């Protein structure tokens, strides 16, 4: 990335690039290729970060719901909520 920045600065400052169309095209062609490579590396890095984030979320989910104590407590809370709902329906009947 630093090479692209130096090349951009150098390309603007150098008069030889302005005088020779062939040299100008070759220089900025190399710049463009390096710039595309940098953008590709950035995109790969973003994909890697997203993958690591997704794996971390998955691991956290497995750590929480993979615990048998937590799942048993969750089942028990669900059963109690269902029993309360049934008892409230029965109380509200005329």
Protein backbone atom coordinates (compact mmCIF):
# COMPACT_ATOMS: atom_id res chain seq x y z
CA UNK A 1 0.00 0.00 0.00
CA UNK A 2 2.88 2.30 0.77
CA UNK A 3 4.37 1.60 -2.63
CA UNK A 4 1.16 2.82 -4.30
CA UNK A 5 1.22 6.02 -2.26
CA UNK A 6 4.88 6.68 -3.11
CA UNK A 7 4.24 5.89 -6.78
CA UNK A 8 1.27 8.27 -6.86
CA UNK A 9 3.32 11.08 -5.32
CA UNK A 10 6.35 10.36 -7.52
CA UNK A 11 4.20 10.13 -10.65
CA UNK A 12 2.79 13.60 -10.11
CA UNK A 13 6.18 15.15 -9.32
CA UNK A 14 8.17 13.64 -12.24
CA UNK A 15 8.30 15.57 -15.49
CA UNK A 16 9.69 12.61 -17.46
CA UNK A 17 6.38 10.80 -17.12
CA UNK A 18 4.52 13.73 -18.62
CA UNK A 19 6.84 13.97 -21.62
CA UNK A 20 6.80 10.31 -22.69
CA UNK A 21 3.37 8.75 -23.33
CA UNK A 22 4.85 5.22 -23.30
CA UNK A 23 6.60 5.74 -19.98
CA UNK A 24 3.47 7.42 -18.62
CA UNK A 25 1.25 4.47 -19.56
CA UNK A 26 3.73 1.89 -18.28
CA UNK A 27 4.21 3.70 -14.96
CA UNK A 28 0.53 4.21 -14.26
CA UNK A 29 -0.22 0.69 -15.51
CA UNK A 30 2.11 -0.72 -12.85
CA UNK A 31 0.50 1.62 -10.32
CA UNK A 32 -2.96 0.41 -11.29
CA UNK A 33 -1.97 -3.27 -11.03
CA UNK A 34 -0.44 -2.72 -7.59
CA UNK A 35 -3.51 -0.76 -6.50
CA UNK A 36 -5.83 -3.60 -7.60
CA UNK A 37 -3.65 -6.07 -5.68
CA UNK A 38 -3.94 -3.91 -2.56
CA UNK A 39 -7.74 -3.74 -2.92
CA UNK A 40 -7.88 -7.51 -3.35
CA UNK A 41 -5.84 -8.00 -0.17
CA UNK A 42 -8.21 -5.68 1.68
CA UNK A 43 -11.22 -7.67 0.50
CA UNK A 44 -9.57 -10.94 1.54
CA UNK A 45 -8.81 -9.45 4.95
CA UNK A 46 -12.44 -8.34 5.36
CA UNK A 47 -13.66 -11.83 4.49
CA UNK A 48 -11.24 -13.33 7.02
CA UNK A 49 -12.42 -10.95 9.74
CA UNK A 50 -16.07 -11.79 9.00
CA UNK A 51 -15.28 -15.50 9.10
CA UNK A 52 -13.49 -15.16 12.45
CA UNK A 53 -16.46 -13.19 13.82
CA UNK A 54 -18.94 -15.83 12.66
CA UNK A 55 -16.81 -18.61 14.19
CA UNK A 56 -16.64 -16.68 17.46
CA UNK A 57 -20.42 -16.22 17.51
CA UNK A 58 -20.89 -19.91 16.79
CA UNK A 59 -18.49 -20.88 19.58
CA UNK A 60 -20.25 -18.56 22.05
CA UNK A 61 -23.61 -20.04 21.06
CA UNK A 62 -22.28 -23.57 21.52
CA UNK A 63 -20.75 -22.66 24.88
CA UNK A 64 -24.07 -21.35 26.16
CA UNK A 65 -26.56 -23.80 24.67
CA UNK A 66 -24.11 -26.69 24.77
CA UNK A 67 -24.13 -26.58 28.57
CA UNK A 68 -26.51 -29.28 29.87
CA UNK A 69 -27.34 -27.28 33.02
CA UNK A 70 -28.44 -24.32 30.94
CA UNK A 71 -30.56 -26.48 28.63
CA UNK A 72 -32.21 -28.20 31.62
CA UNK A 73 -32.99 -24.83 33.22
CA UNK A 74 -34.38 -23.60 29.91
CA UNK A 75 -36.64 -26.67 29.57
CA UNK A 76 -37.85 -26.26 33.14
CA UNK A 77 -38.63 -22.56 32.63
CA UNK A 78 -40.55 -23.41 29.45
CA UNK A 79 -42.59 -26.07 31.24
CA UNK A 80 -43.39 -23.67 34.09
CA UNK A 81 -44.45 -20.99 31.60
CA UNK A 82 -46.72 -23.49 29.84
CA UNK A 83 -48.26 -24.58 33.16
CA UNK A 84 -48.93 -20.96 34.17
CA UNK A 85 -50.54 -20.30 30.80
CA UNK A 86 -52.81 -23.34 31.15
CA UNK A 87 -53.78 -22.42 34.72
CA UNK A 88 -54.60 -18.84 33.70
CA UNK A 89 -56.80 -20.11 30.85
CA UNK A 90 -58.60 -22.40 33.29
CA UNK A 91 -59.18 -19.56 35.78
CA UNK A 92 -60.59 -17.28 33.11
CA UNK A 93 -63.21 -19.82 31.98
CA UNK A 94 -66.73 -19.14 33.28
